[in-house]
Amino acid sequence: MLGFVALMVLVGCSDPVQTDYTAQQTENFFAACTVPVEDSILQARLCQCVFERVQTEIPYERFAEIDAELVLDPLAELPTELNVIIAGCVIEEADL
């Protein structure tokens, strides 16, 4: 799931005043998010959950910072706020 964050902003990189998520970023997110989970229904639910929470819990400016860091180092550890969102969605959607 590391790659999905980097993919979300790449399309919007040319727009220096971008302040919100684009349709292309949404599409890129789901394309990258679907790779690591084999159960397609669970995968779709997890991706939807993570994306919705990222949009509501992480201001776009912070998201852009996270993305820029991951573009420079795709193997970098995800920041705590993103890990918390992912963990919450896994627990919620996988009924753990």
N, C-alpha and C. Protein backbone atom coordinates (compact mmCIF):
# COMPACT_ATOMS: atom_id res chain seq x y z
N MET A 1 0.80 -1.19 0.00
CA MET A 1 0.00 0.00 0.00
C MET A 1 0.85 1.26 0.00
N LEU A 2 2.13 1.10 0.10
CA LEU A 2 2.99 2.28 0.09
C LEU A 2 2.86 3.08 -1.20
N GLY A 3 2.74 2.39 -2.30
CA GLY A 3 2.71 3.08 -3.58
C GLY A 3 1.46 3.89 -3.82
N PHE A 4 0.34 3.55 -3.18
CA PHE A 4 -0.90 4.25 -3.48
C PHE A 4 -0.83 5.71 -3.10
N VAL A 5 -0.13 6.03 -2.04
CA VAL A 5 -0.05 7.43 -1.62
C VAL A 5 0.70 8.25 -2.66
N ALA A 6 1.79 7.72 -3.15
CA ALA A 6 2.57 8.45 -4.15
C ALA A 6 1.78 8.64 -5.42
N LEU A 7 0.99 7.67 -5.81
CA LEU A 7 0.23 7.77 -7.04
C LEU A 7 -0.86 8.81 -6.98
N MET A 8 -1.40 9.08 -5.81
CA MET A 8 -2.54 9.97 -5.70
C MET A 8 -2.23 11.40 -6.12
N VAL A 9 -1.04 11.86 -5.89
CA VAL A 9 -0.74 13.26 -6.16
C VAL A 9 0.01 13.47 -7.46
N LEU A 10 0.62 12.45 -8.01
CA LEU A 10 1.44 12.63 -9.19
C LEU A 10 0.73 13.36 -10.31
N VAL A 11 -0.53 13.09 -10.51
CA VAL A 11 -1.27 13.76 -11.57
C VAL A 11 -1.43 15.23 -11.28
N GLY A 12 -1.56 15.60 -10.01
CA GLY A 12 -1.77 16.98 -9.65
C GLY A 12 -0.50 17.77 -9.43
N CYS A 13 0.65 17.18 -9.68
CA CYS A 13 1.92 17.85 -9.40
C CYS A 13 2.08 19.16 -10.16
N SER A 14 1.52 19.25 -11.35
CA SER A 14 1.73 20.45 -12.15
C SER A 14 0.86 21.61 -11.66
N ASP A 15 -0.07 21.39 -10.78
CA ASP A 15 -0.96 22.42 -10.28
C ASP A 15 -0.46 22.87 -8.91
N PRO A 16 0.31 23.98 -8.85
CA PRO A 16 0.93 24.38 -7.58
C PRO A 16 -0.07 24.84 -6.53
N VAL A 17 -1.29 25.17 -6.90
CA VAL A 17 -2.26 25.65 -5.92
C VAL A 17 -3.35 24.62 -5.64
N GLN A 18 -3.12 23.38 -5.97
CA GLN A 18 -4.11 22.34 -5.73
C GLN A 18 -4.37 22.22 -4.24
N THR A 19 -5.62 22.20 -3.87
CA THR A 19 -5.99 22.12 -2.46
C THR A 19 -6.97 20.99 -2.17
N ASP A 20 -7.29 20.19 -3.17
CA ASP A 20 -8.24 19.12 -2.95
C ASP A 20 -7.90 17.93 -3.85
N TYR A 21 -8.49 16.80 -3.54
CA TYR A 21 -8.25 15.56 -4.27
C TYR A 21 -8.97 15.59 -5.61
N THR A 22 -8.31 15.10 -6.65
CA THR A 22 -8.90 15.09 -7.98
C THR A 22 -9.47 13.71 -8.31
N ALA A 23 -10.27 13.65 -9.35
CA ALA A 23 -10.81 12.37 -9.82
C ALA A 23 -9.68 11.44 -10.24
N GLN A 24 -8.65 12.00 -10.86
CA GLN A 24 -7.52 11.17 -11.29
C GLN A 24 -6.78 10.60 -10.09
N GLN A 25 -6.65 11.37 -9.03
CA GLN A 25 -6.00 10.86 -7.82
C GLN A 25 -6.83 9.73 -7.21
N THR A 26 -8.14 9.88 -7.25
CA THR A 26 -9.02 8.82 -6.76
C THR A 26 -8.80 7.55 -7.57
N GLU A 27 -8.79 7.67 -8.88
CA GLU A 27 -8.57 6.52 -9.76
C GLU A 27 -7.20 5.89 -9.51
N ASN A 28 -6.17 6.71 -9.40
CA ASN A 28 -4.82 6.20 -9.14
C ASN A 28 -4.74 5.49 -7.79
N PHE A 29 -5.41 6.05 -6.80
CA PHE A 29 -5.42 5.44 -5.48
C PHE A 29 -5.97 4.02 -5.54
N PHE A 30 -7.13 3.87 -6.16
CA PHE A 30 -7.75 2.55 -6.22
C PHE A 30 -6.96 1.58 -7.08
N ALA A 31 -6.31 2.07 -8.12
CA ALA A 31 -5.47 1.20 -8.95
C ALA A 31 -4.29 0.66 -8.13
N ALA A 32 -3.68 1.49 -7.33
CA ALA A 32 -2.53 1.06 -6.52
C ALA A 32 -2.96 0.27 -5.29
N CYS A 33 -4.08 0.64 -4.72
CA CYS A 33 -4.53 0.00 -3.48
C CYS A 33 -4.95 -1.44 -3.71
N THR A 34 -5.41 -1.77 -4.86
CA THR A 34 -5.96 -3.10 -5.11
C THR A 34 -4.91 -4.18 -5.29
N VAL A 35 -3.67 -3.82 -5.40
CA VAL A 35 -2.61 -4.80 -5.66
C VAL A 35 -2.40 -5.79 -4.51
N PRO A 36 -2.28 -5.39 -3.24
CA PRO A 36 -1.85 -6.34 -2.21
C PRO A 36 -2.92 -7.28 -1.64
N VAL A 37 -4.20 -7.08 -1.91
CA VAL A 37 -5.24 -7.90 -1.30
C VAL A 37 -5.87 -8.80 -2.35
N GLU A 38 -5.96 -10.10 -2.07
CA GLU A 38 -6.47 -11.04 -3.06
C GLU A 38 -8.00 -11.13 -3.07
N ASP A 39 -8.68 -10.92 -1.95
CA ASP A 39 -10.14 -10.95 -1.89
C ASP A 39 -10.66 -9.63 -2.46
N SER A 40 -11.26 -9.69 -3.64
CA SER A 40 -11.63 -8.45 -4.32
C SER A 40 -12.69 -7.64 -3.58
N ILE A 41 -13.61 -8.29 -2.90
CA ILE A 41 -14.63 -7.55 -2.16
C ILE A 41 -14.00 -6.86 -0.95
N LEU A 42 -13.20 -7.58 -0.19
CA LEU A 42 -12.50 -6.99 0.95
C LEU A 42 -11.56 -5.89 0.47
N GLN A 43 -10.88 -6.15 -0.60
CA GLN A 43 -9.95 -5.18 -1.16
C GLN A 43 -10.66 -3.87 -1.50
N ALA A 44 -11.78 -3.95 -2.15
CA ALA A 44 -12.53 -2.75 -2.53
C ALA A 44 -13.01 -2.01 -1.29
N ARG A 45 -13.49 -2.74 -0.29
CA ARG A 45 -13.97 -2.11 0.94
C ARG A 45 -12.82 -1.45 1.69
N LEU A 46 -11.67 -2.11 1.76
CA LEU A 46 -10.50 -1.53 2.43
C LEU A 46 -10.05 -0.25 1.73
N CYS A 47 -9.94 -0.33 0.43
CA CYS A 47 -9.49 0.84 -0.33
C CYS A 47 -10.45 2.01 -0.16
N GLN A 48 -11.74 1.73 -0.23
CA GLN A 48 -12.74 2.78 -0.07
C GLN A 48 -12.63 3.41 1.30
N CYS A 49 -12.52 2.57 2.32
CA CYS A 49 -12.41 3.05 3.70
C CYS A 49 -11.19 3.94 3.87
N VAL A 50 -10.05 3.45 3.42
CA VAL A 50 -8.81 4.23 3.59
C VAL A 50 -8.90 5.55 2.85
N PHE A 51 -9.38 5.52 1.61
CA PHE A 51 -9.45 6.75 0.84
C PHE A 51 -10.40 7.76 1.48
N GLU A 52 -11.56 7.30 1.91
CA GLU A 52 -12.52 8.22 2.54
C GLU A 52 -11.94 8.82 3.82
N ARG A 53 -11.28 8.01 4.61
CA ARG A 53 -10.70 8.53 5.86
C ARG A 53 -9.53 9.47 5.60
N VAL A 54 -8.73 9.16 4.60
CA VAL A 54 -7.62 10.07 4.25
C VAL A 54 -8.20 11.43 3.88
N GLN A 55 -9.24 11.42 3.06
CA GLN A 55 -9.84 12.69 2.64
C GLN A 55 -10.43 13.48 3.80
N THR A 56 -11.00 12.79 4.78
CA THR A 56 -11.64 13.51 5.87
C THR A 56 -10.72 13.79 7.06
N GLU A 57 -9.67 12.98 7.24
CA GLU A 57 -8.83 13.12 8.43
C GLU A 57 -7.47 13.75 8.18
N ILE A 58 -7.03 13.76 6.94
CA ILE A 58 -5.72 14.34 6.64
C ILE A 58 -5.93 15.53 5.71
N PRO A 59 -5.59 16.72 6.16
CA PRO A 59 -5.73 17.88 5.29
C PRO A 59 -4.90 17.67 4.01
N TYR A 60 -5.38 18.20 2.92
CA TYR A 60 -4.71 17.98 1.65
C TYR A 60 -3.25 18.40 1.69
N GLU A 61 -2.96 19.51 2.34
CA GLU A 61 -1.58 20.00 2.39
C GLU A 61 -0.67 18.97 3.06
N ARG A 62 -1.15 18.34 4.12
CA ARG A 62 -0.36 17.31 4.81
C ARG A 62 -0.22 16.09 3.91
N PHE A 63 -1.30 15.73 3.23
CA PHE A 63 -1.24 14.61 2.31
C PHE A 63 -0.18 14.86 1.24
N ALA A 64 -0.14 16.07 0.70
CA ALA A 64 0.85 16.41 -0.32
C ALA A 64 2.27 16.27 0.22
N GLU A 65 2.49 16.64 1.47
CA GLU A 65 3.80 16.47 2.10
C GLU A 65 4.17 14.99 2.19
N ILE A 66 3.22 14.18 2.64
CA ILE A 66 3.45 12.74 2.76
C ILE A 66 3.78 12.16 1.40
N ASP A 67 3.01 12.55 0.41
CA ASP A 67 3.22 12.04 -0.94
C ASP A 67 4.60 12.43 -1.47
N ALA A 68 5.00 13.68 -1.25
CA ALA A 68 6.30 14.14 -1.73
C ALA A 68 7.42 13.31 -1.09
N GLU A 69 7.28 13.02 0.19
CA GLU A 69 8.28 12.21 0.88
C GLU A 69 8.34 10.80 0.30
N LEU A 70 7.16 10.22 0.00
CA LEU A 70 7.13 8.86 -0.54
C LEU A 70 7.57 8.79 -1.99
N VAL A 71 7.42 9.87 -2.72
CA VAL A 71 7.93 9.91 -4.09
C VAL A 71 9.45 9.85 -4.05
N LEU A 72 10.05 10.57 -3.11
CA LEU A 72 11.51 10.55 -2.97
C LEU A 72 12.02 9.21 -2.46
N ASP A 73 11.25 8.59 -1.57
CA ASP A 73 11.65 7.30 -1.00
C ASP A 73 10.43 6.40 -0.88
N PRO A 74 10.07 5.66 -1.96
CA PRO A 74 8.87 4.82 -1.95
C PRO A 74 8.87 3.74 -0.87
N LEU A 75 10.03 3.40 -0.35
CA LEU A 75 10.10 2.38 0.68
C LEU A 75 10.10 2.97 2.09
N ALA A 76 9.95 4.28 2.18
CA ALA A 76 9.93 4.93 3.49
C ALA A 76 8.74 4.45 4.30
N GLU A 77 8.90 4.48 5.59
CA GLU A 77 7.81 4.10 6.48
C GLU A 77 6.68 5.12 6.37
N LEU A 78 5.47 4.63 6.39
CA LEU A 78 4.32 5.53 6.34
C LEU A 78 4.21 6.29 7.65
N PRO A 79 3.75 7.53 7.60
CA PRO A 79 3.58 8.30 8.83
C PRO A 79 2.48 7.70 9.71
N THR A 80 2.57 7.98 10.97
CA THR A 80 1.64 7.42 11.96
C THR A 80 0.19 7.67 11.60
N GLU A 81 -0.15 8.89 11.18
CA GLU A 81 -1.55 9.19 10.90
C GLU A 81 -2.12 8.34 9.78
N LEU A 82 -1.29 7.98 8.81
CA LEU A 82 -1.75 7.12 7.73
C LEU A 82 -1.84 5.67 8.19
N ASN A 83 -0.89 5.23 8.99
CA ASN A 83 -0.94 3.88 9.55
C ASN A 83 -2.17 3.68 10.43
N VAL A 84 -2.53 4.69 11.20
CA VAL A 84 -3.71 4.61 12.05
C VAL A 84 -4.97 4.43 11.21
N ILE A 85 -5.05 5.17 10.12
CA ILE A 85 -6.20 5.06 9.22
C ILE A 85 -6.26 3.66 8.61
N ILE A 86 -5.14 3.18 8.10
CA ILE A 86 -5.10 1.86 7.47
C ILE A 86 -5.48 0.78 8.48
N ALA A 87 -4.90 0.85 9.67
CA ALA A 87 -5.20 -0.15 10.70
C ALA A 87 -6.68 -0.13 11.08
N GLY A 88 -7.24 1.06 11.23
CA GLY A 88 -8.65 1.16 11.57
C GLY A 88 -9.54 0.55 10.50
N CYS A 89 -9.19 0.78 9.25
CA CYS A 89 -9.98 0.21 8.16
C CYS A 89 -9.84 -1.30 8.09
N VAL A 90 -8.66 -1.81 8.33
CA VAL A 90 -8.46 -3.27 8.33
C VAL A 90 -9.31 -3.89 9.43
N ILE A 91 -9.29 -3.30 10.61
CA ILE A 91 -10.08 -3.83 11.72
C ILE A 91 -11.58 -3.75 11.40
N GLU A 92 -12.00 -2.60 10.88
CA GLU A 92 -13.41 -2.40 10.58
C GLU A 92 -13.91 -3.29 9.43
N GLU A 93 -13.19 -3.28 8.33
CA GLU A 93 -13.66 -3.97 7.13
C GLU A 93 -13.41 -5.47 7.17
N ALA A 94 -12.40 -5.92 7.88
CA ALA A 94 -12.13 -7.34 7.96
C ALA A 94 -12.83 -7.97 9.15
N ASP A 95 -13.61 -7.18 9.86
CA ASP A 95 -14.34 -7.66 11.03
C ASP A 95 -13.43 -8.34 12.03
N LEU A 96 -12.30 -7.71 12.33
CA LEU A 96 -11.35 -8.28 13.28
C LEU A 96 -11.71 -7.92 14.69
